[in-house]
């Protein structure tokens, strides 16, 4: 059975630093289509932030959702 949309190959850039504090380094994972060329105009984006008030949880909690959004 075929799908309605073609499958997308994804690249995941893990632990991309976005902020340094005296207590810790903050990092994110970036999920993006591999087979689409970059664009000077940019692309749509979704920012997923886990709950926990910067004290509990991890960015890995939303990895499945991030894969779905990026594909």
PDB file of N, CA and C in Angstrom:
ATOM      1  N   UNK A   1       0.841  -1.167   0.000  1.00  0.00           N
ATOM      2  CA  UNK A   1       0.000   0.000   0.000  1.00  0.00           C
ATOM      3  C   UNK A   1       0.892   1.237   0.000  1.00  0.00           C
ATOM      4  N   UNK A   2       0.650   2.168  -0.872  1.00  0.00           N
ATOM      5  CA  UNK A   2       1.485   3.370  -0.944  1.00  0.00           C
ATOM      6  C   UNK A   2       0.936   4.465  -0.034  1.00  0.00           C
ATOM      7  N   UNK A   3       1.827   5.375   0.325  1.00  0.00           N
ATOM      8  CA  UNK A   3       1.417   6.494   1.177  1.00  0.00           C
ATOM      9  C   UNK A   3       1.051   7.690   0.311  1.00  0.00           C
ATOM     10  N   UNK A   4       0.344   8.631   0.893  1.00  0.00           N
ATOM     11  CA  UNK A   4      -0.101   9.810   0.149  1.00  0.00           C
ATOM     12  C   UNK A   4       1.047  10.772  -0.131  1.00  0.00           C
ATOM     13  N   UNK A   5       2.060  10.776   0.727  1.00  0.00           N
ATOM     14  CA  UNK A   5       3.203  11.665   0.527  1.00  0.00           C
ATOM     15  C   UNK A   5       4.486  10.843   0.534  1.00  0.00           C
ATOM     16  N   UNK A   6       5.483  11.274  -0.229  1.00  0.00           N
ATOM     17  CA  UNK A   6       6.737  10.526  -0.239  1.00  0.00           C
ATOM     18  C   UNK A   6       7.442  10.620   1.110  1.00  0.00           C
ATOM     19  N   UNK A   7       8.199   9.582   1.435  1.00  0.00           N
ATOM     20  CA  UNK A   7       8.936   9.577   2.692  1.00  0.00           C
ATOM     21  C   UNK A   7      10.087  10.579   2.615  1.00  0.00           C
ATOM     22  N   UNK A   8      10.318  11.300   3.690  1.00  0.00           N
ATOM     23  CA  UNK A   8      11.366  12.311   3.746  1.00  0.00           C
ATOM     24  C   UNK A   8      12.542  11.778   4.547  1.00  0.00           C
ATOM     25  N   UNK A   9      13.744  11.995   4.027  1.00  0.00           N
ATOM     26  CA  UNK A   9      14.949  11.643   4.767  1.00  0.00           C
ATOM     27  C   UNK A   9      15.301  12.817   5.664  1.00  0.00           C
ATOM     28  N   UNK A  10      15.589  12.532   6.929  1.00  0.00           N
ATOM     29  CA  UNK A  10      15.857  13.596   7.894  1.00  0.00           C
ATOM     30  C   UNK A  10      17.296  13.559   8.386  1.00  0.00           C
ATOM     31  N   UNK A  11      17.800  14.731   8.720  1.00  0.00           N
ATOM     32  CA  UNK A  11      19.090  14.881   9.381  1.00  0.00           C
ATOM     33  C   UNK A  11      18.815  15.451  10.762  1.00  0.00           C
ATOM     34  N   UNK A  12      19.486  14.919  11.769  1.00  0.00           N
ATOM     35  CA  UNK A  12      19.343  15.433  13.129  1.00  0.00           C
ATOM     36  C   UNK A  12      20.706  15.942  13.587  1.00  0.00           C
ATOM     37  N   UNK A  13      20.786  17.236  13.837  1.00  0.00           N
ATOM     38  CA  UNK A  13      21.994  17.844  14.391  1.00  0.00           C
ATOM     39  C   UNK A  13      21.784  17.900  15.898  1.00  0.00           C
ATOM     40  N   UNK A  14      22.516  17.079  16.620  1.00  0.00           N
ATOM     41  CA  UNK A  14      22.306  16.957  18.066  1.00  0.00           C
ATOM     42  C   UNK A  14      23.214  17.890  18.856  1.00  0.00           C
ATOM     43  N   UNK A  15      22.688  18.332  19.979  1.00  0.00           N
ATOM     44  CA  UNK A  15      23.441  19.136  20.952  1.00  0.00           C
ATOM     45  C   UNK A  15      24.030  20.411  20.359  1.00  0.00           C
ATOM     46  N   UNK A  16      23.210  21.137  19.601  1.00  0.00           N
ATOM     47  CA  UNK A  16      23.615  22.435  19.057  1.00  0.00           C
ATOM     48  C   UNK A  16      23.496  23.457  20.187  1.00  0.00           C
ATOM     49  N   UNK A  17      24.607  24.025  20.598  1.00  0.00           N
ATOM     50  CA  UNK A  17      24.601  24.976  21.722  1.00  0.00           C
ATOM     51  C   UNK A  17      23.917  26.280  21.324  1.00  0.00           C
ATOM     52  N   UNK A  18      23.055  26.767  22.204  1.00  0.00           N
ATOM     53  CA  UNK A  18      22.427  28.060  21.941  1.00  0.00           C
ATOM     54  C   UNK A  18      22.588  29.043  23.085  1.00  0.00           C
ATOM     55  N   UNK A  19      23.087  28.587  24.232  1.00  0.00           N
ATOM     56  CA  UNK A  19      23.261  29.499  25.365  1.00  0.00           C
ATOM     57  C   UNK A  19      24.241  28.898  26.366  1.00  0.00           C
ATOM     58  N   UNK A  20      25.134  29.735  26.868  1.00  0.00           N
ATOM     59  CA  UNK A  20      26.062  29.341  27.931  1.00  0.00           C
ATOM     60  C   UNK A  20      25.692  30.138  29.175  1.00  0.00           C
ATOM     61  N   UNK A  21      25.571  29.461  30.297  1.00  0.00           N
ATOM     62  CA  UNK A  21      25.338  30.131  31.572  1.00  0.00           C
ATOM     63  C   UNK A  21      26.411  29.646  32.544  1.00  0.00           C
ATOM     64  N   UNK A  22      26.590  30.323  33.658  1.00  0.00           N
ATOM     65  CA  UNK A  22      27.566  29.831  34.635  1.00  0.00           C
ATOM     66  C   UNK A  22      27.232  28.419  35.143  1.00  0.00           C
ATOM     67  N   UNK A  23      25.950  28.072  35.150  1.00  0.00           N
ATOM     68  CA  UNK A  23      25.530  26.770  35.674  1.00  0.00           C
ATOM     69  C   UNK A  23      25.594  25.648  34.643  1.00  0.00           C
ATOM     70  N   UNK A  24      25.324  25.973  33.365  1.00  0.00           N
ATOM     71  CA  UNK A  24      25.245  24.914  32.355  1.00  0.00           C
ATOM     72  C   UNK A  24      25.275  25.480  30.943  1.00  0.00           C
ATOM     73  N   UNK A  25      25.478  24.563  30.015  1.00  0.00           N
ATOM     74  CA  UNK A  25      25.369  24.873  28.593  1.00  0.00           C
ATOM     75  C   UNK A  25      24.002  24.386  28.127  1.00  0.00           C
ATOM     76  N   UNK A  26      23.252  25.248  27.451  1.00  0.00           N
ATOM     77  CA  UNK A  26      21.942  24.862  26.921  1.00  0.00           C
ATOM     78  C   UNK A  26      22.117  24.465  25.459  1.00  0.00           C
ATOM     79  N   UNK A  27      21.523  23.340  25.094  1.00  0.00           N
ATOM     80  CA  UNK A  27      21.670  22.829  23.738  1.00  0.00           C
ATOM     81  C   UNK A  27      20.332  22.321  23.225  1.00  0.00           C
ATOM     82  N   UNK A  28      20.221  22.258  21.906  1.00  0.00           N
ATOM     83  CA  UNK A  28      19.003  21.768  21.269  1.00  0.00           C
ATOM     84  C   UNK A  28      19.377  20.776  20.178  1.00  0.00           C
ATOM     85  N   UNK A  29      18.409  19.990  19.758  1.00  0.00           N
ATOM     86  CA  UNK A  29      18.564  19.119  18.604  1.00  0.00           C
ATOM     87  C   UNK A  29      17.763  19.745  17.469  1.00  0.00           C
ATOM     88  N   UNK A  30      18.353  19.789  16.272  1.00  0.00           N
ATOM     89  CA  UNK A  30      17.695  20.375  15.106  1.00  0.00           C
ATOM     90  C   UNK A  30      17.354  19.242  14.140  1.00  0.00           C
ATOM     91  N   UNK A  31      16.075  19.100  13.829  1.00  0.00           N
ATOM     92  CA  UNK A  31      15.584  18.079  12.905  1.00  0.00           C
ATOM     93  C   UNK A  31      15.217  18.781  11.607  1.00  0.00           C
ATOM     94  N   UNK A  32      15.799  18.313  10.479  1.00  0.00           N
ATOM     95  CA  UNK A  32      15.526  18.973   9.206  1.00  0.00           C
ATOM     96  C   UNK A  32      15.539  17.962   8.066  1.00  0.00           C
ATOM     97  N   UNK A  33      14.797  18.263   7.003  1.00  0.00           N
ATOM     98  CA  UNK A  33      14.826  17.382   5.837  1.00  0.00           C
ATOM     99  C   UNK A  33      16.223  17.388   5.214  1.00  0.00           C
ATOM    100  N   UNK A  34      16.732  16.214   4.874  1.00  0.00           N
ATOM    101  CA  UNK A  34      18.054  16.096   4.269  1.00  0.00           C
ATOM    102  C   UNK A  34      18.012  16.417   2.788  1.00  0.00           C
ATOM    103  N   UNK A  35      16.979  15.966   2.111  1.00  0.00           N
ATOM    104  CA  UNK A  35      16.951  16.033   0.655  1.00  0.00           C
ATOM    105  C   UNK A  35      16.489  17.368   0.081  1.00  0.00           C
ATOM    106  N   UNK A  36      16.173  18.343   0.916  1.00  0.00           N
ATOM    107  CA  UNK A  36      15.753  19.644   0.407  1.00  0.00           C
ATOM    108  C   UNK A  36      16.907  20.629   0.514  1.00  0.00           C
ATOM    109  N   UNK A  37      17.218  21.346  -0.578  1.00  0.00           N
ATOM    110  CA  UNK A  37      18.298  22.327  -0.495  1.00  0.00           C
ATOM    111  C   UNK A  37      17.928  23.477   0.434  1.00  0.00           C
ATOM    112  N   UNK A  38      18.928  24.099   1.013  1.00  0.00           N
ATOM    113  CA  UNK A  38      18.680  25.262   1.870  1.00  0.00           C
ATOM    114  C   UNK A  38      18.144  26.420   1.045  1.00  0.00           C
ATOM    115  N   UNK A  39      17.580  27.372   1.695  1.00  0.00           N
ATOM    116  CA  UNK A  39      16.987  28.509   1.007  1.00  0.00           C
ATOM    117  C   UNK A  39      17.370  29.789   1.723  1.00  0.00           C
ATOM    118  N   UNK A  40      17.708  30.816   0.947  1.00  0.00           N
ATOM    119  CA  UNK A  40      18.029  32.116   1.541  1.00  0.00           C
ATOM    120  C   UNK A  40      16.803  32.708   2.225  1.00  0.00           C
ATOM    121  N   UNK A  41      15.619  32.290   1.788  1.00  0.00           N
ATOM    122  CA  UNK A  41      14.376  32.797   2.375  1.00  0.00           C
ATOM    123  C   UNK A  41      13.982  32.035   3.634  1.00  0.00           C
ATOM    124  N   UNK A  42      14.693  30.971   3.951  1.00  0.00           N
ATOM    125  CA  UNK A  42      14.387  30.194   5.145  1.00  0.00           C
ATOM    126  C   UNK A  42      13.309  29.158   4.902  1.00  0.00           C
ATOM    127  N   UNK A  43      12.939  28.506   5.969  1.00  0.00           N
ATOM    128  CA  UNK A  43      11.911  27.464   5.934  1.00  0.00           C
ATOM    129  C   UNK A  43      10.977  27.650   7.112  1.00  0.00           C
ATOM    130  N   UNK A  44       9.793  27.070   7.035  1.00  0.00           N
ATOM    131  CA  UNK A  44       8.942  27.073   8.222  1.00  0.00           C
ATOM    132  C   UNK A  44       9.648  26.301   9.342  1.00  0.00           C
ATOM    133  N   UNK A  45       9.356  26.652  10.562  1.00  0.00           N
ATOM    134  CA  UNK A  45       9.990  25.979  11.698  1.00  0.00           C
ATOM    135  C   UNK A  45       8.989  25.798  12.827  1.00  0.00           C
ATOM    136  N   UNK A  46       9.249  24.791  13.639  1.00  0.00           N
ATOM    137  CA  UNK A  46       8.469  24.561  14.856  1.00  0.00           C
ATOM    138  C   UNK A  46       9.462  24.435  16.000  1.00  0.00           C
ATOM    139  N   UNK A  47       9.191  25.101  17.084  1.00  0.00           N
ATOM    140  CA  UNK A  47      10.040  25.027  18.268  1.00  0.00           C
ATOM    141  C   UNK A  47       9.296  24.232  19.332  1.00  0.00           C
ATOM    142  N   UNK A  48       9.860  23.104  19.736  1.00  0.00           N
ATOM    143  CA  UNK A  48       9.245  22.249  20.754  1.00  0.00           C
ATOM    144  C   UNK A  48      10.059  22.373  22.032  1.00  0.00           C
ATOM    145  N   UNK A  49       9.420  22.780  23.111  1.00  0.00           N
ATOM    146  CA  UNK A  49      10.099  22.937  24.398  1.00  0.00           C
ATOM    147  C   UNK A  49       9.414  22.022  25.410  1.00  0.00           C
ATOM    148  N   UNK A  50      10.191  21.149  26.029  1.00  0.00           N
ATOM    149  CA  UNK A  50       9.611  20.236  27.021  1.00  0.00           C
ATOM    150  C   UNK A  50       9.287  21.003  28.299  1.00  0.00           C
ATOM    151  N   UNK A  51       8.370  20.469  29.064  1.00  0.00           N
ATOM    152  CA  UNK A  51       8.037  21.071  30.350  1.00  0.00           C
ATOM    153  C   UNK A  51       9.122  20.767  31.374  1.00  0.00           C
ATOM    154  N   UNK A  52       9.030  21.355  32.525  1.00  0.00           N
ATOM    155  CA  UNK A  52       9.979  21.054  33.582  1.00  0.00           C
ATOM    156  C   UNK A  52      10.674  22.272  34.146  1.00  0.00           C
ATOM    157  N   UNK A  53      10.342  23.453  33.620  1.00  0.00           N
ATOM    158  CA  UNK A  53      10.882  24.690  34.181  1.00  0.00           C
ATOM    159  C   UNK A  53      12.395  24.759  34.197  1.00  0.00           C
ATOM    160  N   UNK A  54      13.041  24.194  33.188  1.00  0.00           N
ATOM    161  CA  UNK A  54      14.506  24.188  33.073  1.00  0.00           C
ATOM    162  C   UNK A  54      15.171  23.418  34.216  1.00  0.00           C
ATOM    163  N   UNK A  55      14.398  22.628  34.966  1.00  0.00           N
ATOM    164  CA  UNK A  55      14.963  21.864  36.082  1.00  0.00           C
ATOM    165  C   UNK A  55      14.822  20.353  35.882  1.00  0.00           C
ATOM    166  N   UNK A  56      13.771  19.940  35.204  1.00  0.00           N
ATOM    167  CA  UNK A  56      13.503  18.519  35.007  1.00  0.00           C
ATOM    168  C   UNK A  56      13.264  18.238  33.536  1.00  0.00           C
ATOM    169  N   UNK A  57      13.345  16.973  33.178  1.00  0.00           N
ATOM    170  CA  UNK A  57      13.062  16.569  31.813  1.00  0.00           C
ATOM    171  C   UNK A  57      14.269  16.743  30.907  1.00  0.00           C
ATOM    172  N   UNK A  58      14.051  16.417  29.625  1.00  0.00           N
ATOM    173  CA  UNK A  58      15.135  16.534  28.651  1.00  0.00           C
ATOM    174  C   UNK A  58      14.574  16.774  27.263  1.00  0.00           C
ATOM    175  N   UNK A  59      15.431  17.247  26.376  1.00  0.00           N
ATOM    176  CA  UNK A  59      15.017  17.507  25.002  1.00  0.00           C
ATOM    177  C   UNK A  59      14.613  16.222  24.287  1.00  0.00           C
ATOM    178  N   UNK A  60      15.107  15.092  24.759  1.00  0.00           N
ATOM    179  CA  UNK A  60      14.759  13.810  24.163  1.00  0.00           C
ATOM    180  C   UNK A  60      13.299  13.421  24.328  1.00  0.00           C
ATOM    181  N   UNK A  61      12.604  14.039  25.283  1.00  0.00           N
ATOM    182  CA  UNK A  61      11.192  13.729  25.505  1.00  0.00           C
ATOM    183  C   UNK A  61      10.333  14.015  24.275  1.00  0.00           C
ATOM    184  N   UNK A  62      10.741  14.960  23.455  1.00  0.00           N
ATOM    185  CA  UNK A  62       9.937  15.360  22.302  1.00  0.00           C
ATOM    186  C   UNK A  62      10.534  14.903  20.975  1.00  0.00           C
ATOM    187  N   UNK A  63      11.468  13.965  21.002  1.00  0.00           N
ATOM    188  CA  UNK A  63      12.131  13.558  19.762  1.00  0.00           C
ATOM    189  C   UNK A  63      11.155  12.956  18.752  1.00  0.00           C
ATOM    190  N   UNK A  64      10.197  12.166  19.201  1.00  0.00           N
ATOM    191  CA  UNK A  64       9.220  11.581  18.270  1.00  0.00           C
ATOM    192  C   UNK A  64       8.380  12.674  17.603  1.00  0.00           C
ATOM    193  N   UNK A  65       7.933  13.649  18.379  1.00  0.00           N
ATOM    194  CA  UNK A  65       7.164  14.763  17.813  1.00  0.00           C
ATOM    195  C   UNK A  65       8.019  15.572  16.848  1.00  0.00           C
ATOM    196  N   UNK A  66       9.273  15.803  17.204  1.00  0.00           N
ATOM    197  CA  UNK A  66      10.166  16.568  16.332  1.00  0.00           C
ATOM    198  C   UNK A  66      10.367  15.851  14.998  1.00  0.00           C
ATOM    199  N   UNK A  67      10.517  14.542  15.034  1.00  0.00           N
ATOM    200  CA  UNK A  67      10.641  13.777  13.788  1.00  0.00           C
ATOM    201  C   UNK A  67       9.388  13.918  12.936  1.00  0.00           C
ATOM    202  N   UNK A  68       8.232  13.861  13.564  1.00  0.00           N
ATOM    203  CA  UNK A  68       6.973  14.009  12.830  1.00  0.00           C
ATOM    204  C   UNK A  68       6.851  15.396  12.209  1.00  0.00           C
ATOM    205  N   UNK A  69       7.197  16.437  12.960  1.00  0.00           N
ATOM    206  CA  UNK A  69       7.115  17.800  12.428  1.00  0.00           C
ATOM    207  C   UNK A  69       8.065  17.999  11.252  1.00  0.00           C
ATOM    208  N   UNK A  70       9.262  17.445  11.337  1.00  0.00           N
ATOM    209  CA  UNK A  70      10.279  17.664  10.305  1.00  0.00           C
ATOM    210  C   UNK A  70      10.018  16.877   9.029  1.00  0.00           C
ATOM    211  N   UNK A  71       9.231  15.811   9.122  1.00  0.00           N
ATOM    212  CA  UNK A  71       9.027  14.986   7.930  1.00  0.00           C
ATOM    213  C   UNK A  71       7.841  15.387   7.099  1.00  0.00           C
TER     214      UNK A  71
END
